[in-house]
C-alpha atoms as a PDB file:
ATOM      1  CA  MET A   1      64.864  36.874  -6.974  1.00  0.00           C
ATOM      2  CA  ARG A   2      64.970  40.634  -7.962  1.00  0.00           C
ATOM      3  CA  LEU A   3      66.616  42.070 -10.943  1.00  0.00           C
ATOM      4  CA  MET A   4      69.570  43.450  -8.970  1.00  0.00           C
ATOM      5  CA  GLN A   5      69.710  40.977  -6.133  1.00  0.00           C
ATOM      6  CA  HIS A   6      72.525  39.121  -7.773  1.00  0.00           C
ATOM      7  CA  LYS A   7      76.324  39.788  -7.277  1.00  0.00           C
ATOM      8  CA  ARG A   8      77.092  40.171 -11.034  1.00  0.00           C
ATOM      9  CA  GLU A   9      74.256  42.285 -11.798  1.00  0.00           C
ATOM     10  CA  ALA A  10      75.037  44.428  -8.992  1.00  0.00           C
ATOM     11  CA  TYR A  11      78.692  44.706 -10.036  1.00  0.00           C
ATOM     12  CA  TRP A  12      77.854  45.886 -13.641  1.00  0.00           C
ATOM     13  CA  PHE A  13      75.147  48.203 -12.169  1.00  0.00           C
ATOM     14  CA  TYR A  14      77.527  49.877 -10.074  1.00  0.00           C
ATOM     15  CA  ARG A  15      80.303  50.067 -12.451  1.00  0.00           C
ATOM     16  CA  TYR A  16      78.217  52.996 -14.168  1.00  0.00           C
ATOM     17  CA  LEU A  17      76.284  54.128 -11.282  1.00  0.00           C
ATOM     18  CA  SER A  18      79.513  55.020  -9.213  1.00  0.00           C
ATOM     19  CA  VAL A  19      80.195  57.798 -11.716  1.00  0.00           C
ATOM     20  CA  PHE A  20      77.406  60.077 -10.181  1.00  0.00           C
ATOM     21  CA  TYR A  21      76.339  58.035  -6.950  1.00  0.00           C
ATOM     22  CA  ASP A  22      77.528  60.943  -4.742  1.00  0.00           C
ATOM     23  CA  LYS A  23      76.219  63.630  -6.899  1.00  0.00           C
ATOM     24  CA  LEU A  24      72.702  62.231  -7.423  1.00  0.00           C
ATOM     25  CA  VAL A  25      71.824  59.117  -5.482  1.00  0.00           C
ATOM     26  CA  ASN A  26      73.164  59.845  -1.820  1.00  0.00           C
ATOM     27  CA  PRO A  27      71.712  63.331  -1.706  1.00  0.00           C
ATOM     28  CA  LEU A  28      68.303  61.997  -2.351  1.00  0.00           C
ATOM     29  CA  PHE A  29      67.948  58.647  -0.806  1.00  0.00           C
ATOM     30  CA  TRP A  30      70.753  58.472   1.906  1.00  0.00           C
ATOM     31  CA  THR A  31      71.424  61.930   3.252  1.00  0.00           C
ATOM     32  CA  ALA A  32      74.162  63.123   5.654  1.00  0.00           C
ATOM     33  CA  ARG A  33      71.171  63.526   8.044  1.00  0.00           C
ATOM     34  CA  MET A  34      69.965  60.039   7.925  1.00  0.00           C
ATOM     35  CA  ARG A  35      73.519  58.842   8.010  1.00  0.00           C
ATOM     36  CA  GLU A  36      74.270  60.447  11.290  1.00  0.00           C
ATOM     37  CA  LYS A  37      71.043  59.454  12.796  1.00  0.00           C
ATOM     38  CA  ALA A  38      71.528  55.890  11.913  1.00  0.00           C
ATOM     39  CA  LEU A  39      75.141  55.551  13.308  1.00  0.00           C
ATOM     40  CA  ASP A  40      74.301  57.315  16.534  1.00  0.00           C
ATOM     41  CA  ILE A  41      72.926  54.123  17.728  1.00  0.00           C
ATOM     42  CA  GLY A  42      75.998  52.164  16.899  1.00  0.00           C
ATOM     43  CA  TYR A  43      77.858  52.347  20.343  1.00  0.00           C
ATOM     44  CA  TRP A  44      80.775  54.433  19.799  1.00  0.00           C
ATOM     45  CA  ASP A  45      82.291  54.478  23.323  1.00  0.00           C
ATOM     46  CA  ASP A  46      86.105  53.915  23.348  1.00  0.00           C
ATOM     47  CA  ASP A  47      86.139  55.387  19.961  1.00  0.00           C
ATOM     48  CA  GLU A  48      89.955  55.736  19.826  1.00  0.00           C
ATOM     49  CA  GLU A  49      90.331  51.884  20.353  1.00  0.00           C
ATOM     50  CA  LEU A  50      87.571  50.601  18.169  1.00  0.00           C
ATOM     51  CA  SER A  51      88.280  48.614  14.975  1.00  0.00           C
ATOM     52  CA  VAL A  52      85.526  48.959  12.470  1.00  0.00           C
ATOM     53  CA  ILE A  53      84.435  47.025   9.407  1.00  0.00           C
ATOM     54  CA  ASP A  54      82.386  48.828   6.983  1.00  0.00           C
ATOM     55  CA  VAL A  55      80.759  46.295   4.450  1.00  0.00           C
ATOM     56  CA  GLY A  56      79.222  47.527   1.252  1.00  0.00           C
ATOM     57  CA  SER A  57      81.309  50.595   1.877  1.00  0.00           C
ATOM     58  CA  GLY A  58      80.680  51.743  -1.856  1.00  0.00           C
ATOM     59  CA  THR A  59      81.869  55.382  -2.396  1.00  0.00           C
ATOM     60  CA  GLY A  60      82.752  55.866   1.234  1.00  0.00           C
ATOM     61  CA  PHE A  61      79.854  58.032   1.957  1.00  0.00           C
ATOM     62  CA  THR A  62      78.884  56.016   5.221  1.00  0.00           C
ATOM     63  CA  THR A  63      82.559  55.594   5.956  1.00  0.00           C
ATOM     64  CA  GLU A  64      82.901  59.418   6.276  1.00  0.00           C
ATOM     65  CA  GLY A  65      80.326  59.339   9.028  1.00  0.00           C
ATOM     66  CA  ILE A  66      82.177  56.518  10.737  1.00  0.00           C
ATOM     67  CA  VAL A  67      85.724  58.229  10.689  1.00  0.00           C
ATOM     68  CA  LYS A  68      83.850  61.217  12.649  1.00  0.00           C
ATOM     69  CA  ARG A  69      83.742  58.694  15.368  1.00  0.00           C
ATOM     70  CA  VAL A  70      86.741  56.729  15.263  1.00  0.00           C
ATOM     71  CA  PRO A  71      90.314  57.252  13.569  1.00  0.00           C
ATOM     72  CA  SER A  72      90.457  56.400   9.858  1.00  0.00           C
ATOM     73  CA  THR A  73      93.210  54.072  10.415  1.00  0.00           C
ATOM     74  CA  ASN A  74      90.851  51.791  12.432  1.00  0.00           C
ATOM     75  CA  VAL A  75      88.411  51.341   9.636  1.00  0.00           C
ATOM     76  CA  THR A  76      88.441  48.551   6.909  1.00  0.00           C
ATOM     77  CA  CYS A  77      86.068  49.108   3.909  1.00  0.00           C
ATOM     78  CA  VAL A  78      84.968  46.081   2.120  1.00  0.00           C
ATOM     79  CA  ASP A  79      83.047  46.137  -1.283  1.00  0.00           C
ATOM     80  CA  GLN A  80      82.828  44.173  -4.407  1.00  0.00           C
ATOM     81  CA  SER A  81      82.844  46.859  -6.752  1.00  0.00           C
ATOM     82  CA  PRO A  82      86.299  48.267  -7.583  1.00  0.00           C
ATOM     83  CA  HIS A  83      84.596  51.207  -9.263  1.00  0.00           C
ATOM     84  CA  GLN A  84      82.906  52.377  -6.313  1.00  0.00           C
ATOM     85  CA  MET A  85      85.778  51.748  -4.187  1.00  0.00           C
ATOM     86  CA  ASN A  86      88.084  54.072  -6.405  1.00  0.00           C
ATOM     87  CA  HIS A  87      85.885  56.876  -5.532  1.00  0.00           C
ATOM     88  CA  ALA A  88      86.047  56.153  -1.859  1.00  0.00           C
ATOM     89  CA  LYS A  89      89.823  56.033  -2.086  1.00  0.00           C
ATOM     90  CA  ALA A  90      90.028  59.352  -3.637  1.00  0.00           C
ATOM     91  CA  LYS A  91      88.299  60.951  -0.593  1.00  0.00           C
ATOM     92  CA  HIS A  92      91.110  62.643   1.713  1.00  0.00           C
ATOM     93  CA  GLU A  93      89.053  62.027   4.842  1.00  0.00           C
ATOM     94  CA  LEU A  94      89.320  58.250   4.101  1.00  0.00           C
ATOM     95  CA  ALA A  95      93.071  58.248   3.551  1.00  0.00           C
ATOM     96  CA  GLY A  96      93.883  56.131   6.487  1.00  0.00           C
ATOM     97  CA  CYS A  97      91.372  53.609   5.841  1.00  0.00           C
ATOM     98  CA  THR A  98      92.251  50.029   4.662  1.00  0.00           C
ATOM     99  CA  PHE A  99      90.345  48.863   1.541  1.00  0.00           C
ATOM    100  CA  GLN A 100      89.626  45.262   0.856  1.00  0.00           C
ATOM    101  CA  LEU A 101      87.755  43.902  -2.140  1.00  0.00           C
ATOM    102  CA  GLY A 102      85.416  41.216  -0.791  1.00  0.00           C
ATOM    103  CA  ASP A 103      81.816  39.875  -0.525  1.00  0.00           C
ATOM    104  CA  ALA A 104      79.261  40.472   2.202  1.00  0.00           C
ATOM    105  CA  GLU A 105      78.528  36.888   2.281  1.00  0.00           C
ATOM    106  CA  ASN A 106      82.078  35.533   2.261  1.00  0.00           C
ATOM    107  CA  LEU A 107      83.938  37.922   4.368  1.00  0.00           C
ATOM    108  CA  PRO A 108      87.916  37.635   3.825  1.00  0.00           C
ATOM    109  CA  PHE A 109      88.550  38.022   7.716  1.00  0.00           C
ATOM    110  CA  ASP A 110      89.241  35.652  10.548  1.00  0.00           C
ATOM    111  CA  ASP A 111      86.447  35.252  13.371  1.00  0.00           C
ATOM    112  CA  ASP A 112      86.320  37.826  16.117  1.00  0.00           C
ATOM    113  CA  SER A 113      88.276  40.263  14.131  1.00  0.00           C
ATOM    114  CA  PHE A 114      86.341  43.600  14.630  1.00  0.00           C
ATOM    115  CA  ASP A 115      84.748  45.685  17.548  1.00  0.00           C
ATOM    116  CA  ARG A 116      82.218  47.056  15.269  1.00  0.00           C
ATOM    117  CA  TYR A 117      80.448  45.965  12.018  1.00  0.00           C
ATOM    118  CA  VAL A 118      78.577  48.486   9.922  1.00  0.00           C
ATOM    119  CA  SER A 119      76.683  48.003   6.632  1.00  0.00           C
ATOM    120  CA  ALA A 120      74.615  50.638   5.092  1.00  0.00           C
ATOM    121  CA  GLY A 121      72.527  50.362   1.690  1.00  0.00           C
ATOM    122  CA  SER A 122      74.151  46.980   0.897  1.00  0.00           C
ATOM    123  CA  ILE A 123      71.708  44.261   1.990  1.00  0.00           C
ATOM    124  CA  GLU A 124      69.384  45.175  -1.099  1.00  0.00           C
ATOM    125  CA  TYR A 125      71.870  43.350  -3.234  1.00  0.00           C
ATOM    126  CA  TRP A 126      72.570  40.354  -1.217  1.00  0.00           C
ATOM    127  CA  PRO A 127      71.244  37.127  -2.748  1.00  0.00           C
ATOM    128  CA  ASP A 128      71.065  35.509   0.981  1.00  0.00           C
ATOM    129  CA  PRO A 129      70.572  38.248   3.606  1.00  0.00           C
ATOM    130  CA  GLN A 130      70.701  35.527   6.448  1.00  0.00           C
ATOM    131  CA  ARG A 131      74.076  34.472   5.454  1.00  0.00           C
ATOM    132  CA  GLY A 132      75.295  38.042   5.456  1.00  0.00           C
ATOM    133  CA  LEU A 133      74.066  38.556   8.864  1.00  0.00           C
ATOM    134  CA  ASN A 134      75.882  35.311   9.985  1.00  0.00           C
ATOM    135  CA  GLU A 135      79.132  36.527   8.492  1.00  0.00           C
ATOM    136  CA  ALA A 136      78.599  39.892  10.496  1.00  0.00           C
ATOM    137  CA  TYR A 137      78.342  37.763  13.684  1.00  0.00           C
ATOM    138  CA  ARG A 138      81.330  35.852  12.818  1.00  0.00           C
ATOM    139  CA  VAL A 139      83.666  38.767  12.279  1.00  0.00           C
ATOM    140  CA  VAL A 140      82.581  40.678  15.242  1.00  0.00           C
ATOM    141  CA  LYS A 141      84.325  40.169  18.708  1.00  0.00           C
ATOM    142  CA  PRO A 142      82.393  39.017  21.466  1.00  0.00           C
ATOM    143  CA  GLY A 143      80.910  42.062  23.214  1.00  0.00           C
ATOM    144  CA  GLY A 144      80.928  44.027  19.885  1.00  0.00           C
ATOM    145  CA  TRP A 145      77.987  45.529  17.941  1.00  0.00           C
ATOM    146  CA  ALA A 146      76.906  45.208  14.445  1.00  0.00           C
ATOM    147  CA  LEU A 147      74.762  47.866  12.818  1.00  0.00           C
ATOM    148  CA  MET A 148      72.778  47.246   9.621  1.00  0.00           C
ATOM    149  CA  ILE A 149      71.074  50.038   7.790  1.00  0.00           C
ATOM    150  CA  GLY A 150      68.811  49.329   4.922  1.00  0.00           C
ATOM    151  CA  PRO A 151      65.496  50.293   3.079  1.00  0.00           C
ATOM    152  CA  LEU A 152      61.863  49.068   4.251  1.00  0.00           C
ATOM    153  CA  GLU A 153      59.313  47.527   2.119  1.00  0.00           C
ATOM    154  CA  PRO A 154      57.292  50.551   0.770  1.00  0.00           C
ATOM    155  CA  VAL A 155      53.650  50.681   2.064  1.00  0.00           C
ATOM    156  CA  ASN A 156      52.156  52.024  -1.224  1.00  0.00           C
ATOM    157  CA  PRO A 157      51.388  48.990  -3.488  1.00  0.00           C
ATOM    158  CA  ILE A 158      52.580  50.546  -6.599  1.00  0.00           C
ATOM    159  CA  SER A 159      56.035  51.723  -4.810  1.00  0.00           C
ATOM    160  CA  ARG A 160      56.100  48.260  -3.415  1.00  0.00           C
ATOM    161  CA  PHE A 161      55.975  46.551  -6.659  1.00  0.00           C
ATOM    162  CA  ALA A 162      58.403  48.600  -8.356  1.00  0.00           C
ATOM    163  CA  ALA A 163      60.983  48.428  -5.337  1.00  0.00           C
ATOM    164  CA  ASN A 164      60.717  44.703  -5.081  1.00  0.00           C
ATOM    165  CA  THR A 165      61.021  44.194  -8.908  1.00  0.00           C
ATOM    166  CA  TRP A 166      64.343  46.126  -8.771  1.00  0.00           C
ATOM    167  CA  MET A 167      66.043  44.874  -5.553  1.00  0.00           C
ATOM    168  CA  LEU A 168      65.511  43.492  -2.083  1.00  0.00           C
ATOM    169  CA  PHE A 169      63.390  45.908   0.324  1.00  0.00           C
ATOM    170  CA  PRO A 170      62.795  43.735   3.360  1.00  0.00           C
ATOM    171  CA  PRO A 171      59.826  43.958   5.755  1.00  0.00           C
ATOM    172  CA  GLU A 172      60.683  45.454   9.032  1.00  0.00           C
ATOM    173  CA  GLU A 173      60.090  41.948  10.706  1.00  0.00           C
ATOM    174  CA  ASP A 174      62.756  40.572   8.456  1.00  0.00           C
ATOM    175  CA  TYR A 175      65.460  42.536   9.766  1.00  0.00           C
ATOM    176  CA  PHE A 176      64.789  41.315  13.255  1.00  0.00           C
ATOM    177  CA  ARG A 177      64.586  37.849  12.192  1.00  0.00           C
ATOM    178  CA  TYR A 178      67.876  38.118  10.383  1.00  0.00           C
ATOM    179  CA  MET A 179      69.626  39.594  13.463  1.00  0.00           C
ATOM    180  CA  GLU A 180      67.992  37.190  15.944  1.00  0.00           C
ATOM    181  CA  ARG A 181      68.763  34.007  14.017  1.00  0.00           C
ATOM    182  CA  ALA A 182      72.390  35.095  13.506  1.00  0.00           C
ATOM    183  CA  GLY A 183      72.679  35.088  17.297  1.00  0.00           C
ATOM    184  CA  PHE A 184      72.658  38.853  18.136  1.00  0.00           C
ATOM    185  CA  ASP A 185      71.202  40.115  21.526  1.00  0.00           C
ATOM    186  CA  ARG A 186      70.255  43.435  22.911  1.00  0.00           C
ATOM    187  CA  ILE A 187      68.737  44.473  19.555  1.00  0.00           C
ATOM    188  CA  ASP A 188      67.872  48.418  19.213  1.00  0.00           C
ATOM    189  CA  TYR A 189      66.701  50.176  16.217  1.00  0.00           C
ATOM    190  CA  THR A 190      65.604  53.524  14.756  1.00  0.00           C
ATOM    191  CA  TYR A 191      63.957  54.596  11.592  1.00  0.00           C
ATOM    192  CA  VAL A 192      65.389  57.074   9.029  1.00  0.00           C
ATOM    193  CA  SER A 193      63.778  58.819   5.998  1.00  0.00           C
ATOM    194  CA  PRO A 194      64.706  61.763   3.606  1.00  0.00           C
ATOM    195  CA  HIS A 195      62.965  65.005   3.955  1.00  0.00           C
ATOM    196  CA  TRP A 196      60.581  64.244   1.097  1.00  0.00           C
ATOM    197  CA  GLN A 197      59.155  61.169   2.371  1.00  0.00           C
ATOM    198  CA  LYS A 198      55.866  61.522   4.433  1.00  0.00           C
ATOM    199  CA  ASN A 199      56.613  57.909   5.960  1.00  0.00           C
ATOM    200  CA  ASP A 200      59.289  57.997   8.608  1.00  0.00           C
ATOM    201  CA  ARG A 201      59.676  54.245   8.190  1.00  0.00           C
ATOM    202  CA  TYR A 202      61.390  54.637   4.983  1.00  0.00           C
ATOM    203  CA  GLY A 203      64.627  52.889   6.204  1.00  0.00           C
ATOM    204  CA  ILE A 204      65.683  51.299   9.516  1.00  0.00           C
ATOM    205  CA  ALA A 205      69.005  51.140  11.318  1.00  0.00           C
ATOM    206  CA  ILE A 206      69.140  48.053  13.482  1.00  0.00           C
ATOM    207  CA  VAL A 207      72.004  47.057  15.926  1.00  0.00           C
ATOM    208  CA  GLY A 208      72.714  44.005  17.845  1.00  0.00           C
ATOM    209  CA  ARG A 209      75.500  42.800  20.357  1.00  0.00           C
ATOM    210  CA  LYS A 210      77.382  39.607  19.785  1.00  0.00           C
ATOM    211  CA  PRO A 211      77.287  37.701  23.023  1.00  0.00           C
ATOM    212  CA  LEU A 212      79.667  34.740  22.371  1.00  0.00           C
ATOM    213  CA  PRO A 213      82.928  34.126  20.315  1.00  0.00           C
ATOM    214  CA  GLY A 214      83.142  32.465  17.260  1.00  0.00           C
ATOM    215  CA  LYS A 215      80.753  31.682  14.337  1.00  0.00           C
ATOM    216  CA  SER A 216      76.951  32.453  14.279  1.00  0.00           C
ATOM    217  CA  PRO A 217      74.846  29.790  15.986  1.00  0.00           C
ATOM    218  CA  ASN A 218      72.561  29.830  13.121  1.00  0.00           C
ATOM    219  CA  HIS A 219      73.717  26.768  10.832  1.00  0.00           C
ATOM    220  CA  TYR A 220      71.663  26.316   7.926  1.00  0.00           C
ATOM    221  CA  GLU A 221      71.758  25.752   4.176  1.00  0.00           C
ATOM    222  CA  ALA A 222      72.261  28.948   2.122  1.00  0.00           C
ATOM    223  CA  VAL A 223      69.197  29.558   0.090  1.00  0.00           C
ATOM    224  CA  ALA A 224      71.430  31.386  -2.725  1.00  0.00           C
ATOM    225  CA  GLU A 225      74.881  30.039  -3.208  1.00  0.00           C
ATOM    226  CA  GLU A 226      76.933  32.157  -5.194  1.00  0.00           C
ATOM    227  CA  ARG A 227      80.689  32.159  -5.316  1.00  0.00           C
ATOM    228  CA  GLN A 228      82.484  35.233  -4.192  1.00  0.00           C
ATOM    229  CA  LEU A 229      82.411  37.586  -7.150  1.00  0.00           C
ATOM    230  CA  VAL A 230      85.968  39.216  -6.704  1.00  0.00           C
ATOM    231  CA  ALA A 231      87.338  35.666  -6.998  1.00  0.00           C
ATOM    232  CA  VAL A 232      85.393  34.659 -10.335  1.00  0.00           C
ATOM    233  CA  ASP A 233      86.354  35.344 -13.780  1.00  0.00           C
ATOM    234  CA  ASN A 234      84.213  35.101 -16.865  1.00  0.00           C
ATOM    235  CA  GLU A 235      85.117  31.583 -17.608  1.00  0.00           C
ATOM    236  CA  GLY A 236      82.327  29.282 -17.450  1.00  0.00           C
ATOM    237  CA  VAL A 237      79.782  31.900 -18.038  1.00  0.00           C
ATOM    238  CA  THR A 238      77.287  30.423 -20.558  1.00  0.00           C
ATOM    239  CA  LEU A 239      75.720  32.355 -23.344  1.00  0.00           C
ATOM    240  CA  GLY A 240      72.303  32.109 -21.606  1.00  0.00           C
ATOM    241  CA  ARG A 241      73.809  33.339 -18.352  1.00  0.00           C
ATOM    242  CA  GLY A 242      75.327  36.240 -20.191  1.00  0.00           C
ATOM    243  CA  LEU A 243      72.219  37.183 -22.181  1.00  0.00           C
ATOM    244  CA  MET A 244      70.188  36.915 -18.724  1.00  0.00           C
ATOM    245  CA  LEU A 245      72.830  39.117 -16.969  1.00  0.00           C
ATOM    246  CA  ALA A 246      72.821  41.680 -19.775  1.00  0.00           C
ATOM    247  CA  GLY A 247      68.812  41.706 -19.665  1.00  0.00           C
ATOM    248  CA  ARG A 248      68.882  42.063 -15.993  1.00  0.00           C
ATOM    249  CA  VAL A 249      71.514  44.964 -15.812  1.00  0.00           C
ATOM    250  CA  ILE A 250      69.483  46.743 -18.484  1.00  0.00           C
ATOM    251  CA  LEU A 251      66.121  46.365 -16.872  1.00  0.00           C
ATOM    252  CA  GLY A 252      67.368  46.825 -13.256  1.00  0.00           C
ATOM    253  CA  SER A 253      69.291  50.012 -14.290  1.00  0.00           C
ATOM    254  CA  ALA A 254      66.383  51.314 -16.032  1.00  0.00           C
ATOM    255  CA  ALA A 255      63.982  50.612 -13.100  1.00  0.00           C
ATOM    256  CA  GLY A 256      66.682  51.986 -10.483  1.00  0.00           C
ATOM    257  CA  PHE A 257      67.105  55.504 -12.505  1.00  0.00           C
ATOM    258  CA  ILE A 258      63.270  55.936 -12.601  1.00  0.00           C
ATOM    259  CA  PHE A 259      63.687  56.544  -8.952  1.00  0.00           C
ATOM    260  CA  ILE A 260      65.814  59.420  -9.366  1.00  0.00           C
ATOM    261  CA  PRO A 261      63.384  61.860 -11.199  1.00  0.00           C
ATOM    262  CA  MET A 262      60.543  60.559  -8.829  1.00  0.00           C
ATOM    263  CA  ALA A 263      62.654  61.636  -5.734  1.00  0.00           C
ATOM    264  CA  LEU A 264      63.602  64.970  -7.245  1.00  0.00           C
ATOM    265  CA  ILE A 265      60.024  65.727  -7.950  1.00  0.00           C
ATOM    266  CA  ALA A 266      58.946  64.517  -4.472  1.00  0.00           C
ATOM    267  CA  SER A 267      61.840  66.700  -2.871  1.00  0.00           C
ATOM    268  CA  VAL A 268      60.573  70.013  -4.477  1.00  0.00           C
ATOM    269  CA  THR A 269      56.823  69.197  -4.030  1.00  0.00           C
ATOM    270  CA  ALA A 270      57.421  68.200  -0.388  1.00  0.00           C
ATOM    271  CA  PRO A 271      55.955  71.360   1.276  1.00  0.00           C
ATOM    272  CA  MET A 272      52.774  71.062  -1.077  1.00  0.00           C
ATOM    273  CA  ARG A 273      52.194  67.702   0.083  1.00  0.00           C
ATOM    274  CA  GLY A 274      51.909  68.852   3.592  1.00  0.00           C
ATOM    275  CA  ILE A 275      55.559  67.475   4.654  1.00  0.00           C
ATOM    276  CA  ASP A 276      57.186  69.998   7.228  1.00  0.00           C
ATOM    277  CA  LYS A 277      60.409  68.309   7.468  1.00  0.00           C
ATOM    278  CA  GLU A 278      63.482  70.506   7.018  1.00  0.00           C
ATOM    279  CA  PRO A 279      64.307  70.227   3.468  1.00  0.00           C
ATOM    280  CA  GLU A 280      67.609  69.247   1.951  1.00  0.00           C
ATOM    281  CA  PRO A 281      68.999  71.945  -0.696  1.00  0.00           C
ATOM    282  CA  LEU A 282      69.328  70.601  -4.005  1.00  0.00           C
ATOM    283  CA  ASN A 283      72.989  70.450  -5.459  1.00  0.00           C
ATOM    284  CA  SER A 284      73.778  71.640  -8.907  1.00  0.00           C
ATOM    285  CA  HIS A 285      73.740  68.179 -10.341  1.00  0.00           C
ATOM    286  CA  GLN A 286      70.231  67.573  -8.879  1.00  0.00           C
ATOM    287  CA  LYS A 287      69.111  70.989 -10.275  1.00  0.00           C
ATOM    288  CA  VAL A 288      70.518  69.869 -13.818  1.00  0.00           C
ATOM    289  CA  ALA A 289      68.608  66.464 -13.435  1.00  0.00           C
ATOM    290  CA  LEU A 290      65.413  68.183 -12.366  1.00  0.00           C
ATOM    291  CA  ALA A 291      65.542  70.722 -15.191  1.00  0.00           C
ATOM    292  CA  THR A 292      66.150  68.045 -17.658  1.00  0.00           C
ATOM    293  CA  VAL A 293      63.187  66.249 -16.288  1.00  0.00           C
ATOM    294  CA  GLY A 294      61.131  69.369 -16.696  1.00  0.00           C
ATOM    295  CA  VAL A 295      62.131  69.945 -20.361  1.00  0.00           C
ATOM    296  CA  VAL A 296      61.447  66.245 -21.192  1.00  0.00           C
ATOM    297  CA  ALA A 297      57.993  66.617 -19.598  1.00  0.00           C
ATOM    298  CA  ALA A 298      57.249  69.645 -21.467  1.00  0.00           C
ATOM    299  CA  VAL A 299      58.225  68.236 -24.826  1.00  0.00           C
ATOM    300  CA  LEU A 300      55.980  65.286 -24.171  1.00  0.00           C
ATOM    301  CA  ILE A 301      52.984  67.608 -23.328  1.00  0.00           C
ATOM    302  CA  VAL A 302      53.508  69.661 -26.283  1.00  0.00           C
ATOM    303  CA  ASN A 303      53.927  66.807 -28.600  1.00  0.00           C
ATOM    304  CA  ARG A 304      50.607  65.355 -27.262  1.00  0.00           C
ATOM    305  CA  LEU A 305      48.758  68.554 -27.671  1.00  0.00           C
ATOM    306  CA  THR A 306      50.121  69.044 -31.233  1.00  0.00           C
ATOM    307  CA  ARG A 307      48.749  65.572 -31.881  1.00  0.00           C
ATOM    308  CA  ARG A 308      45.427  66.559 -30.824  1.00  0.00           C
ATOM    309  CA  ARG A 309      44.984  69.253 -33.357  1.00  0.00           C
END
């Protein structure tokens, strides 16, 4: 299983990432333009009446798009990270939302509770994606829709190795299989990508309708049983598990942070690489990060040249 495809590892990863998630991560990998395109396929008719659950809501970036379509008082945000959720609670656009600590694979709600289910950028951390989609089916009302948004496995072999070492990047066919096995029908989809990506199949938004009430017809043995993190304390964590946790968080965080300078460089070099998509302007935090990358690179080059003399 990938370094960050664990609940505890993801919990600690986001404890620190939440500080600059909206400043560096979303503006590069999950932009407002991508969010709006993905949400557009979510069937927002009768918007004033719809109840929505946003699973893996994080800092509330996707939720900000949802509340443009339905009243914030109709939206329930679920995330296992209190640190991410605190940032979401501070956003005035989300003041009317309900916030609930919870686990995507063990949602703390009754069957047939919501008209719409949305999850964006969360499946990467699920130990058992099929179980998560089964839960999506369970909590949606019959006739309601579930929208799953996530990354696709990179085409480039090096990028694919790095991505799959870090977290789950499902192949496209896996998304369809998860939805179909969970019981959804009338499945539709669209692709999303940031402007610096030449490949339009960077991520996918896939939506399906729940035809019948109750639980998912997909009954199976979970492949990665983990207790709900928000209900777990540190009691019973062995030394070995603690060391493994620390190692995974350190390695996984390092792997994850590498993607930020790579994306920044890709963003500013997109026109030179023949990508003619409308660029997303860099914010001040991204400019500082890019300048830092430039300084580090310059120091390394000078150091290398000095050694050769």
